[in-house]
Amino acid sequence: MQIVGLPFASLNDSMFGGCAIGYAAGFTGFTGVTGSVMGIVQPNASKINLYQSNNGAAGNLANTQFSNTSTIFLTASYEVP
């Protein structure tokens, strides 16, 4: 899953931008009490890639894990050219 349309493309280097996920709710398919949502901005991109963590194992978030009540609050920080 991706959030696209960031106002600027990130710097084309080997550094990934970070996302602080303050709140995420309304997702399905998370197991265990340690599940969380994570996000990164890849180099030379204007999108945030979203991932899930369940009990220490990370994986991509899929469309099927979102519903019409899914909510995510985040702050992204990345360097631009």
Foldseek 3Di string as FASTA:
>chain_A
DKDADAPAFFAQDQDKKFKDWPDKDQFPDADDPPKDKTWIRGHRGRMIFIWIAHPHDIDGDDPNRHDPPIDIDMDIDGHHD
